[in-house]
Amino acid sequence: STVEEIKQAVHALSAIDLATFRAWFADFDADLWDLQLDQD
């Protein structure tokens, strides 16, 4: 599945790339939360 592929890709990230991904994902998730709250 795509989720399994993503998990494997995340496991393969270097520490720096993981930190970059983590920061990006936190922003991405917060933006989705804001959109849902606005809709609600």
Full PDB file with SEQRES, HELIX, SHEET, SSBOND, CRYST1, ORIGX, SCALE, CONECT and MASTER records, all heavy atoms in Angstrom:
SEQRES   1 A   40  SER THR VAL GLU GLU ILE LYS GLN ALA VAL HIS ALA LEU          
SEQRES   2 A   40  SER ALA ILE ASP LEU ALA THR PHE ARG ALA TRP PHE ALA          
SEQRES   3 A   40  ASP PHE ASP ALA ASP LEU TRP ASP LEU GLN LEU ASP GLN          
SEQRES   4 A   40  ASP                                                          
HELIX    1 AA1 THR A    2  HIS A   11  1                                  10    
HELIX    2 AA2 ALA A   15  GLN A   39  1                                  25    
CRYST1    1.000    1.000    1.000  90.00  90.00  90.00 P 1           1          
ORIGX1      1.000000  0.000000  0.000000        0.00000                         
ORIGX2      0.000000  1.000000  0.000000        0.00000                         
ORIGX3      0.000000  0.000000  1.000000        0.00000                         
SCALE1      1.000000  0.000000  0.000000        0.00000                         
SCALE2      0.000000  1.000000  0.000000        0.00000                         
SCALE3      0.000000  0.000000  1.000000        0.00000                         
ATOM      1  N   SER A   1       0.829  -1.202   0.000  1.00  0.00           N  
ATOM      2  CA  SER A   1       0.000   0.000   0.000  1.00  0.00           C  
ATOM      3  C   SER A   1       0.869   1.260   0.000  1.00  0.00           C  
ATOM      4  O   SER A   1       2.057   1.227   0.344  1.00  0.00           O  
ATOM      5  CB  SER A   1      -0.906   0.014   1.227  1.00  0.00           C  
ATOM      6  OG  SER A   1      -0.167   0.318   2.395  1.00  0.00           O  
ATOM      7  N   THR A   2       0.261   2.352  -0.370  1.00  0.00           N  
ATOM      8  CA  THR A   2       0.958   3.637  -0.370  1.00  0.00           C  
ATOM      9  C   THR A   2       1.444   3.993   1.027  1.00  0.00           C  
ATOM     10  O   THR A   2       2.552   4.504   1.198  1.00  0.00           O  
ATOM     11  CB  THR A   2       0.037   4.745  -0.915  1.00  0.00           C  
ATOM     12  OG1 THR A   2      -0.391   4.375  -2.224  1.00  0.00           O  
ATOM     13  CG2 THR A   2       0.737   6.077  -0.966  1.00  0.00           C  
ATOM     14  N   VAL A   3       0.634   3.701   2.033  1.00  0.00           N  
ATOM     15  CA  VAL A   3       1.027   4.005   3.414  1.00  0.00           C  
ATOM     16  C   VAL A   3       2.276   3.215   3.784  1.00  0.00           C  
ATOM     17  O   VAL A   3       3.206   3.769   4.395  1.00  0.00           O  
ATOM     18  CB  VAL A   3      -0.128   3.726   4.397  1.00  0.00           C  
ATOM     19  CG1 VAL A   3       0.338   3.862   5.835  1.00  0.00           C  
ATOM     20  CG2 VAL A   3      -1.298   4.657   4.128  1.00  0.00           C  
ATOM     21  N   GLU A   4       2.326   1.959   3.431  1.00  0.00           N  
ATOM     22  CA  GLU A   4       3.509   1.150   3.732  1.00  0.00           C  
ATOM     23  C   GLU A   4       4.735   1.695   3.006  1.00  0.00           C  
ATOM     24  O   GLU A   4       5.830   1.722   3.567  1.00  0.00           O  
ATOM     25  CB  GLU A   4       3.269  -0.312   3.366  1.00  0.00           C  
ATOM     26  CG  GLU A   4       2.328  -1.024   4.317  1.00  0.00           C  
ATOM     27  CD  GLU A   4       2.797  -0.991   5.769  1.00  0.00           C  
ATOM     28  OE1 GLU A   4       4.005  -1.158   6.021  1.00  0.00           O  
ATOM     29  OE2 GLU A   4       1.948  -0.756   6.652  1.00  0.00           O  
ATOM     30  N   GLU A   5       4.554   2.133   1.764  1.00  0.00           N  
ATOM     31  CA  GLU A   5       5.665   2.712   1.005  1.00  0.00           C  
ATOM     32  C   GLU A   5       6.166   3.988   1.671  1.00  0.00           C  
ATOM     33  O   GLU A   5       7.380   4.219   1.764  1.00  0.00           O  
ATOM     34  CB  GLU A   5       5.238   2.997  -0.434  1.00  0.00           C  
ATOM     35  CG  GLU A   5       4.985   1.744  -1.238  1.00  0.00           C  
ATOM     36  CD  GLU A   5       4.314   2.017  -2.577  1.00  0.00           C  
ATOM     37  OE1 GLU A   5       3.857   3.153  -2.828  1.00  0.00           O  
ATOM     38  OE2 GLU A   5       4.252   1.076  -3.364  1.00  0.00           O  
ATOM     39  N   ILE A   6       5.243   4.800   2.154  1.00  0.00           N  
ATOM     40  CA  ILE A   6       5.617   6.033   2.849  1.00  0.00           C  
ATOM     41  C   ILE A   6       6.368   5.703   4.129  1.00  0.00           C  
ATOM     42  O   ILE A   6       7.391   6.326   4.445  1.00  0.00           O  
ATOM     43  CB  ILE A   6       4.380   6.910   3.124  1.00  0.00           C  
ATOM     44  CG1 ILE A   6       3.805   7.428   1.809  1.00  0.00           C  
ATOM     45  CG2 ILE A   6       4.718   8.065   4.066  1.00  0.00           C  
ATOM     46  CD1 ILE A   6       2.442   8.071   1.933  1.00  0.00           C  
ATOM     47  N   LYS A   7       5.873   4.732   4.875  1.00  0.00           N  
ATOM     48  CA  LYS A   7       6.552   4.331   6.116  1.00  0.00           C  
ATOM     49  C   LYS A   7       7.983   3.897   5.833  1.00  0.00           C  
ATOM     50  O   LYS A   7       8.919   4.286   6.541  1.00  0.00           O  
ATOM     51  CB  LYS A   7       5.796   3.190   6.808  1.00  0.00           C  
ATOM     52  CG  LYS A   7       4.522   3.611   7.481  1.00  0.00           C  
ATOM     53  CD  LYS A   7       3.879   2.383   8.118  1.00  0.00           C  
ATOM     54  CE  LYS A   7       2.569   2.680   8.789  1.00  0.00           C  
ATOM     55  NZ  LYS A   7       1.966   1.474   9.394  1.00  0.00           N  
ATOM     56  N   GLN A   8       8.160   3.089   4.810  1.00  0.00           N  
ATOM     57  CA  GLN A   8       9.502   2.625   4.457  1.00  0.00           C  
ATOM     58  C   GLN A   8      10.388   3.798   4.044  1.00  0.00           C  
ATOM     59  O   GLN A   8      11.571   3.857   4.415  1.00  0.00           O  
ATOM     60  CB  GLN A   8       9.436   1.590   3.342  1.00  0.00           C  
ATOM     61  CG  GLN A   8       8.926   0.247   3.815  1.00  0.00           C  
ATOM     62  CD  GLN A   8       8.933  -0.804   2.696  1.00  0.00           C  
ATOM     63  OE1 GLN A   8       9.300  -0.513   1.566  1.00  0.00           O  
ATOM     64  NE2 GLN A   8       8.515  -1.999   3.040  1.00  0.00           N  
ATOM     65  N   ALA A   9       9.834   4.725   3.272  1.00  0.00           N  
ATOM     66  CA  ALA A   9      10.611   5.884   2.838  1.00  0.00           C  
ATOM     67  C   ALA A   9      11.021   6.739   4.033  1.00  0.00           C  
ATOM     68  O   ALA A   9      12.159   7.225   4.101  1.00  0.00           O  
ATOM     69  CB  ALA A   9       9.806   6.711   1.837  1.00  0.00           C  
ATOM     70  N   VAL A  10      10.120   6.912   4.993  1.00  0.00           N  
ATOM     71  CA  VAL A  10      10.432   7.705   6.186  1.00  0.00           C  
ATOM     72  C   VAL A  10      11.530   7.017   6.992  1.00  0.00           C  
ATOM     73  O   VAL A  10      12.460   7.675   7.472  1.00  0.00           O  
ATOM     74  CB  VAL A  10       9.162   7.949   7.036  1.00  0.00           C  
ATOM     75  CG1 VAL A  10       9.517   8.533   8.402  1.00  0.00           C  
ATOM     76  CG2 VAL A  10       8.200   8.869   6.293  1.00  0.00           C  
ATOM     77  N   HIS A  11      11.449   5.715   7.128  1.00  0.00           N  
ATOM     78  CA  HIS A  11      12.497   4.971   7.851  1.00  0.00           C  
ATOM     79  C   HIS A  11      13.860   5.140   7.196  1.00  0.00           C  
ATOM     80  O   HIS A  11      14.885   5.085   7.882  1.00  0.00           O  
ATOM     81  CB  HIS A  11      12.144   3.482   7.931  1.00  0.00           C  
ATOM     82  CG  HIS A  11      11.203   3.150   9.036  1.00  0.00           C  
ATOM     83  ND1 HIS A  11      11.556   3.144  10.358  1.00  0.00           N  
ATOM     84  CD2 HIS A  11       9.890   2.824   9.007  1.00  0.00           C  
ATOM     85  CE1 HIS A  11      10.520   2.827  11.098  1.00  0.00           C  
ATOM     86  NE2 HIS A  11       9.480   2.632  10.302  1.00  0.00           N  
ATOM     87  N   ALA A  12      13.883   5.342   5.897  1.00  0.00           N  
ATOM     88  CA  ALA A  12      15.143   5.443   5.166  1.00  0.00           C  
ATOM     89  C   ALA A  12      15.738   6.854   5.190  1.00  0.00           C  
ATOM     90  O   ALA A  12      16.865   7.053   4.732  1.00  0.00           O  
ATOM     91  CB  ALA A  12      14.930   4.998   3.716  1.00  0.00           C  
ATOM     92  N   LEU A  13      15.023   7.832   5.715  1.00  0.00           N  
ATOM     93  CA  LEU A  13      15.514   9.208   5.718  1.00  0.00           C  
ATOM     94  C   LEU A  13      16.693   9.389   6.662  1.00  0.00           C  
ATOM     95  O   LEU A  13      16.747   8.773   7.732  1.00  0.00           O  
ATOM     96  CB  LEU A  13      14.398  10.171   6.137  1.00  0.00           C  
ATOM     97  CG  LEU A  13      13.214  10.316   5.185  1.00  0.00           C  
ATOM     98  CD1 LEU A  13      12.140  11.184   5.835  1.00  0.00           C  
ATOM     99  CD2 LEU A  13      13.649  10.893   3.852  1.00  0.00           C  
ATOM    100  N   SER A  14      17.583  10.276   6.271  1.00  0.00           N  
ATOM    101  CA  SER A  14      18.668  10.667   7.176  1.00  0.00           C  
ATOM    102  C   SER A  14      18.073  11.509   8.302  1.00  0.00           C  
ATOM    103  O   SER A  14      16.925  11.974   8.216  1.00  0.00           O  
ATOM    104  CB  SER A  14      19.709  11.491   6.419  1.00  0.00           C  
ATOM    105  OG  SER A  14      19.161  12.751   6.053  1.00  0.00           O  
ATOM    106  N   ALA A  15      18.840  11.744   9.345  1.00  0.00           N  
ATOM    107  CA  ALA A  15      18.359  12.532  10.479  1.00  0.00           C  
ATOM    108  C   ALA A  15      17.956  13.941  10.033  1.00  0.00           C  
ATOM    109  O   ALA A  15      16.920  14.472  10.467  1.00  0.00           O  
ATOM    110  CB  ALA A  15      19.413  12.600  11.572  1.00  0.00           C  
ATOM    111  N   ILE A  16      18.736  14.535   9.161  1.00  0.00           N  
ATOM    112  CA  ILE A  16      18.432  15.890   8.684  1.00  0.00           C  
ATOM    113  C   ILE A  16      17.164  15.876   7.836  1.00  0.00           C  
ATOM    114  O   ILE A  16      16.284  16.737   8.004  1.00  0.00           O  
ATOM    115  CB  ILE A  16      19.619  16.463   7.896  1.00  0.00           C  
ATOM    116  CG1 ILE A  16      20.779  16.728   8.850  1.00  0.00           C  
ATOM    117  CG2 ILE A  16      19.231  17.741   7.168  1.00  0.00           C  
ATOM    118  CD1 ILE A  16      22.080  17.100   8.167  1.00  0.00           C  
ATOM    119  N   ASP A  17      17.059  14.909   6.921  1.00  0.00           N  
ATOM    120  CA  ASP A  17      15.860  14.834   6.089  1.00  0.00           C  
ATOM    121  C   ASP A  17      14.623  14.509   6.920  1.00  0.00           C  
ATOM    122  O   ASP A  17      13.538  15.018   6.644  1.00  0.00           O  
ATOM    123  CB  ASP A  17      16.040  13.795   4.978  1.00  0.00           C  
ATOM    124  CG  ASP A  17      16.971  14.277   3.880  1.00  0.00           C  
ATOM    125  OD1 ASP A  17      17.223  15.497   3.791  1.00  0.00           O  
ATOM    126  OD2 ASP A  17      17.447  13.428   3.103  1.00  0.00           O  
ATOM    127  N   LEU A  18      14.789  13.687   7.948  1.00  0.00           N  
ATOM    128  CA  LEU A  18      13.660  13.370   8.826  1.00  0.00           C  
ATOM    129  C   LEU A  18      13.184  14.618   9.565  1.00  0.00           C  
ATOM    130  O   LEU A  18      11.987  14.864   9.677  1.00  0.00           O  
ATOM    131  CB  LEU A  18      14.024  12.264   9.815  1.00  0.00           C  
ATOM    132  CG  LEU A  18      12.919  11.844  10.771  1.00  0.00           C  
ATOM    133  CD1 LEU A  18      11.687  11.347  10.017  1.00  0.00           C  
ATOM    134  CD2 LEU A  18      13.429  10.766  11.724  1.00  0.00           C  
ATOM    135  N   ALA A  19      14.126  15.422  10.037  1.00  0.00           N  
ATOM    136  CA  ALA A  19      13.758  16.665  10.723  1.00  0.00           C  
ATOM    137  C   ALA A  19      13.028  17.609   9.764  1.00  0.00           C  
ATOM    138  O   ALA A  19      12.031  18.246  10.140  1.00  0.00           O  
ATOM    139  CB  ALA A  19      14.999  17.343  11.301  1.00  0.00           C  
ATOM    140  N   THR A  20      13.512  17.685   8.530  1.00  0.00           N  
ATOM    141  CA  THR A  20      12.860  18.523   7.525  1.00  0.00           C  
ATOM    142  C   THR A  20      11.455  18.012   7.226  1.00  0.00           C  
ATOM    143  O   THR A  20      10.492  18.789   7.162  1.00  0.00           O  
ATOM    144  CB  THR A  20      13.702  18.549   6.238  1.00  0.00           C  
ATOM    145  OG1 THR A  20      14.999  19.067   6.550  1.00  0.00           O  
ATOM    146  CG2 THR A  20      13.056  19.401   5.165  1.00  0.00           C  
ATOM    147  N   PHE A  21      11.344  16.703   7.060  1.00  0.00           N  
ATOM    148  CA  PHE A  21      10.035  16.098   6.803  1.00  0.00           C  
ATOM    149  C   PHE A  21       9.089  16.313   7.981  1.00  0.00           C  
ATOM    150  O   PHE A  21       7.929  16.654   7.799  1.00  0.00           O  
ATOM    151  CB  PHE A  21      10.176  14.597   6.530  1.00  0.00           C  
ATOM    152  CG  PHE A  21       8.863  13.888   6.406  1.00  0.00           C  
ATOM    153  CD1 PHE A  21       8.078  14.030   5.279  1.00  0.00           C  
ATOM    154  CD2 PHE A  21       8.387  13.089   7.446  1.00  0.00           C  
ATOM    155  CE1 PHE A  21       6.852  13.396   5.171  1.00  0.00           C  
ATOM    156  CE2 PHE A  21       7.171  12.451   7.349  1.00  0.00           C  
ATOM    157  CZ  PHE A  21       6.398  12.606   6.210  1.00  0.00           C  
ATOM    158  N   ARG A  22       9.589  16.132   9.186  1.00  0.00           N  
ATOM    159  CA  ARG A  22       8.763  16.302  10.388  1.00  0.00           C  
ATOM    160  C   ARG A  22       8.210  17.721  10.465  1.00  0.00           C  
ATOM    161  O   ARG A  22       7.027  17.926  10.745  1.00  0.00           O  
ATOM    162  CB  ARG A  22       9.597  15.975  11.626  1.00  0.00           C  
ATOM    163  CG  ARG A  22       8.801  15.981  12.912  1.00  0.00           C  
ATOM    164  CD  ARG A  22       9.672  15.668  14.134  1.00  0.00           C  
ATOM    165  NE  ARG A  22      10.190  14.314  14.078  1.00  0.00           N  
ATOM    166  CZ  ARG A  22      11.492  13.998  14.131  1.00  0.00           C  
ATOM    167  NH1 ARG A  22      12.409  14.943  14.208  1.00  0.00           N  
ATOM    168  NH2 ARG A  22      11.870  12.742  14.092  1.00  0.00           N  
ATOM    169  N   ALA A  23       9.049  18.711  10.205  1.00  0.00           N  
ATOM    170  CA  ALA A  23       8.603  20.104  10.242  1.00  0.00           C  
ATOM    171  C   ALA A  23       7.573  20.361   9.145  1.00  0.00           C  
ATOM    172  O   ALA A  23       6.551  21.021   9.394  1.00  0.00           O  
ATOM    173  CB  ALA A  23       9.797  21.043  10.085  1.00  0.00           C  
ATOM    174  N   TRP A  24       7.840  19.838   7.941  1.00  0.00           N  
ATOM    175  CA  TRP A  24       6.885  20.011   6.852  1.00  0.00           C  
ATOM    176  C   TRP A  24       5.552  19.367   7.202  1.00  0.00           C  
ATOM    177  O   TRP A  24       4.490  19.958   7.011  1.00  0.00           O  
ATOM    178  CB  TRP A  24       7.425  19.387   5.552  1.00  0.00           C  
ATOM    179  CG  TRP A  24       6.364  19.345   4.494  1.00  0.00           C  
ATOM    180  CD1 TRP A  24       6.000  20.345   3.664  1.00  0.00           C  
ATOM    181  CD2 TRP A  24       5.481  18.246   4.217  1.00  0.00           C  
ATOM    182  NE1 TRP A  24       4.943  19.945   2.868  1.00  0.00           N  
ATOM    183  CE2 TRP A  24       4.604  18.655   3.188  1.00  0.00           C  
ATOM    184  CE3 TRP A  24       5.345  16.965   4.730  1.00  0.00           C  
ATOM    185  CZ2 TRP A  24       3.619  17.823   2.671  1.00  0.00           C  
ATOM    186  CZ3 TRP A  24       4.367  16.143   4.212  1.00  0.00           C  
ATOM    187  CH2 TRP A  24       3.513  16.571   3.194  1.00  0.00           C  
ATOM    188  N   PHE A  25       5.593  18.137   7.737  1.00  0.00           N  
ATOM    189  CA  PHE A  25       4.356  17.434   8.030  1.00  0.00           C  
ATOM    190  C   PHE A  25       3.574  18.129   9.139  1.00  0.00           C  
ATOM    191  O   PHE A  25       2.341  18.198   9.087  1.00  0.00           O  
ATOM    192  CB  PHE A  25       4.605  15.968   8.396  1.00  0.00           C  
ATOM    193  CG  PHE A  25       3.329  15.187   8.473  1.00  0.00           C  
ATOM    194  CD1 PHE A  25       2.729  14.714   7.325  1.00  0.00           C  
ATOM    195  CD2 PHE A  25       2.691  14.953   9.687  1.00  0.00           C  
ATOM    196  CE1 PHE A  25       1.532  14.020   7.373  1.00  0.00           C  
ATOM    197  CE2 PHE A  25       1.502  14.267   9.747  1.00  0.00           C  
ATOM    198  CZ  PHE A  25       0.915  13.797   8.590  1.00  0.00           C  
ATOM    199  N   ALA A  26       4.255  18.664  10.132  1.00  0.00           N  
ATOM    200  CA  ALA A  26       3.565  19.394  11.207  1.00  0.00           C  
ATOM    201  C   ALA A  26       2.817  20.596  10.627  1.00  0.00           C  
ATOM    202  O   ALA A  26       1.656  20.845  10.986  1.00  0.00           O  
ATOM    203  CB  ALA A  26       4.560  19.831  12.272  1.00  0.00           C  
ATOM    204  N   ASP A  27       3.466  21.326   9.731  1.00  0.00           N  
ATOM    205  CA  ASP A  27       2.800  22.466   9.079  1.00  0.00           C  
ATOM    206  C   ASP A  27       1.632  22.001   8.216  1.00  0.00           C  
ATOM    207  O   ASP A  27       0.554  22.602   8.228  1.00  0.00           O  
ATOM    208  CB  ASP A  27       3.791  23.250   8.219  1.00  0.00           C  
ATOM    209  CG  ASP A  27       4.797  24.027   9.041  1.00  0.00           C  
ATOM    210  OD1 ASP A  27       4.545  24.273  10.239  1.00  0.00           O  
ATOM    211  OD2 ASP A  27       5.851  24.392   8.476  1.00  0.00           O  
ATOM    212  N   PHE A  28       1.846  20.946   7.453  1.00  0.00           N  
ATOM    213  CA  PHE A  28       0.809  20.381   6.590  1.00  0.00           C  
ATOM    214  C   PHE A  28      -0.401  19.959   7.414  1.00  0.00           C  
ATOM    215  O   PHE A  28      -1.544  20.299   7.094  1.00  0.00           O  
ATOM    216  CB  PHE A  28       1.394  19.177   5.834  1.00  0.00           C  
ATOM    217  CG  PHE A  28       0.399  18.387   5.044  1.00  0.00           C  
ATOM    218  CD1 PHE A  28      -0.043  18.842   3.806  1.00  0.00           C  
ATOM    219  CD2 PHE A  28      -0.075  17.168   5.519  1.00  0.00           C  
ATOM    220  CE1 PHE A  28      -0.963  18.099   3.065  1.00  0.00           C  
ATOM    221  CE2 PHE A  28      -0.987  16.425   4.785  1.00  0.00           C  
ATOM    222  CZ  PHE A  28      -1.440  16.888   3.556  1.00  0.00           C  
ATOM    223  N   ASP A  29      -0.158  19.253   8.506  1.00  0.00           N  
ATOM    224  CA  ASP A  29      -1.235  18.765   9.362  1.00  0.00           C  
ATOM    225  C   ASP A  29      -1.974  19.927  10.021  1.00  0.00           C  
ATOM    226  O   ASP A  29      -3.207  19.923  10.114  1.00  0.00           O  
ATOM    227  CB  ASP A  29      -0.653  17.815  10.408  1.00  0.00           C  
ATOM    228  CG  ASP A  29      -1.698  16.965  11.078  1.00  0.00           C  
ATOM    229  OD1 ASP A  29      -2.646  16.499  10.396  1.00  0.00           O  
ATOM    230  OD2 ASP A  29      -1.568  16.727  12.295  1.00  0.00           O  
ATOM    231  N   ALA A  30      -1.228  20.939  10.452  1.00  0.00           N  
ATOM    232  CA  ALA A  30      -1.854  22.118  11.070  1.00  0.00           C  
ATOM    233  C   ALA A  30      -2.743  22.850  10.065  1.00  0.00           C  
ATOM    234  O   ALA A  30      -3.839  23.315  10.417  1.00  0.00           O  
ATOM    235  CB  ALA A  30      -0.789  23.055  11.620  1.00  0.00           C  
ATOM    236  N   ASP A  31      -2.278  22.950   8.824  1.00  0.00           N  
ATOM    237  CA  ASP A  31      -3.085  23.601   7.788  1.00  0.00           C  
ATOM    238  C   ASP A  31      -4.388  22.841   7.544  1.00  0.00           C  
ATOM    239  O   ASP A  31      -5.455  23.453   7.396  1.00  0.00           O  
ATOM    240  CB  ASP A  31      -2.302  23.722   6.482  1.00  0.00           C  
ATOM    241  CG  ASP A  31      -1.183  24.749   6.555  1.00  0.00           C  
ATOM    242  OD1 ASP A  31      -1.190  25.587   7.489  1.00  0.00           O  
ATOM    243  OD2 ASP A  31      -0.294  24.701   5.676  1.00  0.00           O  
ATOM    244  N   LEU A  32      -4.314  21.504   7.511  1.00  0.00           N  
ATOM    245  CA  LEU A  32      -5.532  20.705   7.345  1.00  0.00           C  
ATOM    246  C   LEU A  32      -6.479  20.891   8.517  1.00  0.00           C  
ATOM    247  O   LEU A  32      -7.697  20.980   8.340  1.00  0.00           O  
ATOM    248  CB  LEU A  32      -5.187  19.219   7.182  1.00  0.00           C  
ATOM    249  CG  LEU A  32      -4.534  18.807   5.874  1.00  0.00           C  
ATOM    250  CD1 LEU A  32      -4.228  17.311   5.886  1.00  0.00           C  
ATOM    251  CD2 LEU A  32      -5.416  19.156   4.687  1.00  0.00           C  
ATOM    252  N   TRP A  33      -5.924  20.928   9.727  1.00  0.00           N  
ATOM    253  CA  TRP A  33      -6.729  21.148  10.936  1.00  0.00           C  
ATOM    254  C   TRP A  33      -7.445  22.496  10.842  1.00  0.00           C  
ATOM    255  O   TRP A  33      -8.643  22.599  11.132  1.00  0.00           O  
ATOM    256  CB  TRP A  33      -5.825  21.101  12.167  1.00  0.00           C  
ATOM    257  CG  TRP A  33      -6.521  21.383  13.450  1.00  0.00           C  
ATOM    258  CD1 TRP A  33      -6.685  22.593  14.052  1.00  0.00           C  
ATOM    259  CD2 TRP A  33      -7.175  20.435  14.299  1.00  0.00           C  
ATOM    260  NE1 TRP A  33      -7.386  22.459  15.218  1.00  0.00           N  
ATOM    261  CE2 TRP A  33      -7.696  21.146  15.398  1.00  0.00           C  
ATOM    262  CE3 TRP A  33      -7.360  19.060  14.239  1.00  0.00           C  
ATOM    263  CZ2 TRP A  33      -8.390  20.516  16.416  1.00  0.00           C  
ATOM    264  CZ3 TRP A  33      -8.060  18.446  15.275  1.00  0.00           C  
ATOM    265  CH2 TRP A  33      -8.564  19.166  16.339  1.00  0.00           C  
ATOM    266  N   ASP A  34      -6.707  23.537  10.430  1.00  0.00           N  
ATOM    267  CA  ASP A  34      -7.306  24.872  10.305  1.00  0.00           C  
ATOM    268  C   ASP A  34      -8.435  24.877   9.286  1.00  0.00           C  
ATOM    269  O   ASP A  34      -9.489  25.489   9.523  1.00  0.00           O  
ATOM    270  CB  ASP A  34      -6.243  25.897   9.908  1.00  0.00           C  
ATOM    271  CG  ASP A  34      -5.257  26.195  11.025  1.00  0.00           C  
ATOM    272  OD1 ASP A  34      -5.547  25.854  12.191  1.00  0.00           O  
ATOM    273  OD2 ASP A  34      -4.199  26.781  10.725  1.00  0.00           O  
ATOM    274  N   LEU A  35      -8.228  24.215   8.151  1.00  0.00           N  
ATOM    275  CA  LEU A  35      -9.280  24.145   7.136  1.00  0.00           C  
ATOM    276  C   LEU A  35     -10.519  23.445   7.666  1.00  0.00           C  
ATOM    277  O   LEU A  35     -11.652  23.900   7.432  1.00  0.00           O  
ATOM    278  CB  LEU A  35      -8.765  23.425   5.887  1.00  0.00           C  
ATOM    279  CG  LEU A  35      -7.767  24.186   5.029  1.00  0.00           C  
ATOM    280  CD1 LEU A  35      -7.211  23.273   3.929  1.00  0.00           C  
ATOM    281  CD2 LEU A  35      -8.408  25.419   4.415  1.00  0.00           C  
ATOM    282  N   GLN A  36     -10.321  22.352   8.401  1.00  0.00           N  
ATOM    283  CA  GLN A  36     -11.459  21.623   8.956  1.00  0.00           C  
ATOM    284  C   GLN A  36     -12.190  22.471   9.992  1.00  0.00           C  
ATOM    285  O   GLN A  36     -13.425  22.500  10.021  1.00  0.00           O  
ATOM    286  CB  GLN A  36     -11.004  20.308   9.586  1.00  0.00           C  
ATOM    287  CG  GLN A  36     -12.152  19.465  10.126  1.00  0.00           C  
ATOM    288  CD  GLN A  36     -13.096  19.007   9.033  1.00  0.00           C  
ATOM    289  OE1 GLN A  36     -12.682  18.365   8.079  1.00  0.00           O  
ATOM    290  NE2 GLN A  36     -14.380  19.318   9.160  1.00  0.00           N  
ATOM    291  N   LEU A  37     -11.436  23.176  10.828  1.00  0.00           N  
ATOM    292  CA  LEU A  37     -12.052  24.035  11.832  1.00  0.00           C  
ATOM    293  C   LEU A  37     -12.854  25.149  11.165  1.00  0.00           C  
ATOM    294  O   LEU A  37     -13.994  25.429  11.559  1.00  0.00           O  
ATOM    295  CB  LEU A  37     -10.993  24.631  12.759  1.00  0.00           C  
ATOM    296  CG  LEU A  37     -11.510  25.527  13.877  1.00  0.00           C  
ATOM    297  CD1 LEU A  37     -12.459  24.771  14.799  1.00  0.00           C  
ATOM    298  CD2 LEU A  37     -10.368  26.123  14.657  1.00  0.00           C  
ATOM    299  N   ASP A  38     -12.271  25.773  10.142  1.00  0.00           N  
ATOM    300  CA  ASP A  38     -12.992  26.820   9.413  1.00  0.00           C  
ATOM    301  C   ASP A  38     -14.290  26.281   8.816  1.00  0.00           C  
ATOM    302  O   ASP A  38     -15.333  26.949   8.868  1.00  0.00           O  
ATOM    303  CB  ASP A  38     -12.116  27.406   8.299  1.00  0.00           C  
ATOM    304  CG  ASP A  38     -10.962  28.244   8.826  1.00  0.00           C  
ATOM    305  OD1 ASP A  38     -10.986  28.628  10.012  1.00  0.00           O  
ATOM    306  OD2 ASP A  38     -10.032  28.513   8.031  1.00  0.00           O  
ATOM    307  N   GLN A  39     -14.230  25.087   8.258  1.00  0.00           N  
ATOM    308  CA  GLN A  39     -15.427  24.479   7.666  1.00  0.00           C  
ATOM    309  C   GLN A  39     -16.472  24.183   8.744  1.00  0.00           C  
ATOM    310  O   GLN A  39     -17.662  24.443   8.558  1.00  0.00           O  
ATOM    311  CB  GLN A  39     -15.053  23.199   6.931  1.00  0.00           C  
ATOM    312  CG  GLN A  39     -16.222  22.550   6.223  1.00  0.00           C  
ATOM    313  CD  GLN A  39     -15.805  21.290   5.455  1.00  0.00           C  
ATOM    314  OE1 GLN A  39     -14.636  20.932   5.418  1.00  0.00           O  
ATOM    315  NE2 GLN A  39     -16.776  20.625   4.860  1.00  0.00           N  
ATOM    316  N   ASP A  40     -16.020  23.643   9.864  1.00  0.00           N  
ATOM    317  CA  ASP A  40     -16.945  23.335  10.958  1.00  0.00           C  
ATOM    318  C   ASP A  40     -17.620  24.597  11.489  1.00  0.00           C  
ATOM    319  O   ASP A  40     -18.825  24.601  11.763  1.00  0.00           O  
ATOM    320  CB  ASP A  40     -16.215  22.611  12.089  1.00  0.00           C  
ATOM    321  CG  ASP A  40     -15.824  21.192  11.732  1.00  0.00           C  
ATOM    322  OD1 ASP A  40     -16.326  20.648  10.723  1.00  0.00           O  
ATOM    323  OD2 ASP A  40     -14.987  20.616  12.470  1.00  0.00           O  
TER     324      ASP A  40                                                      
MASTER        0    0    0    2    0    0    0    6  323    1    0    4          
END                                                                             
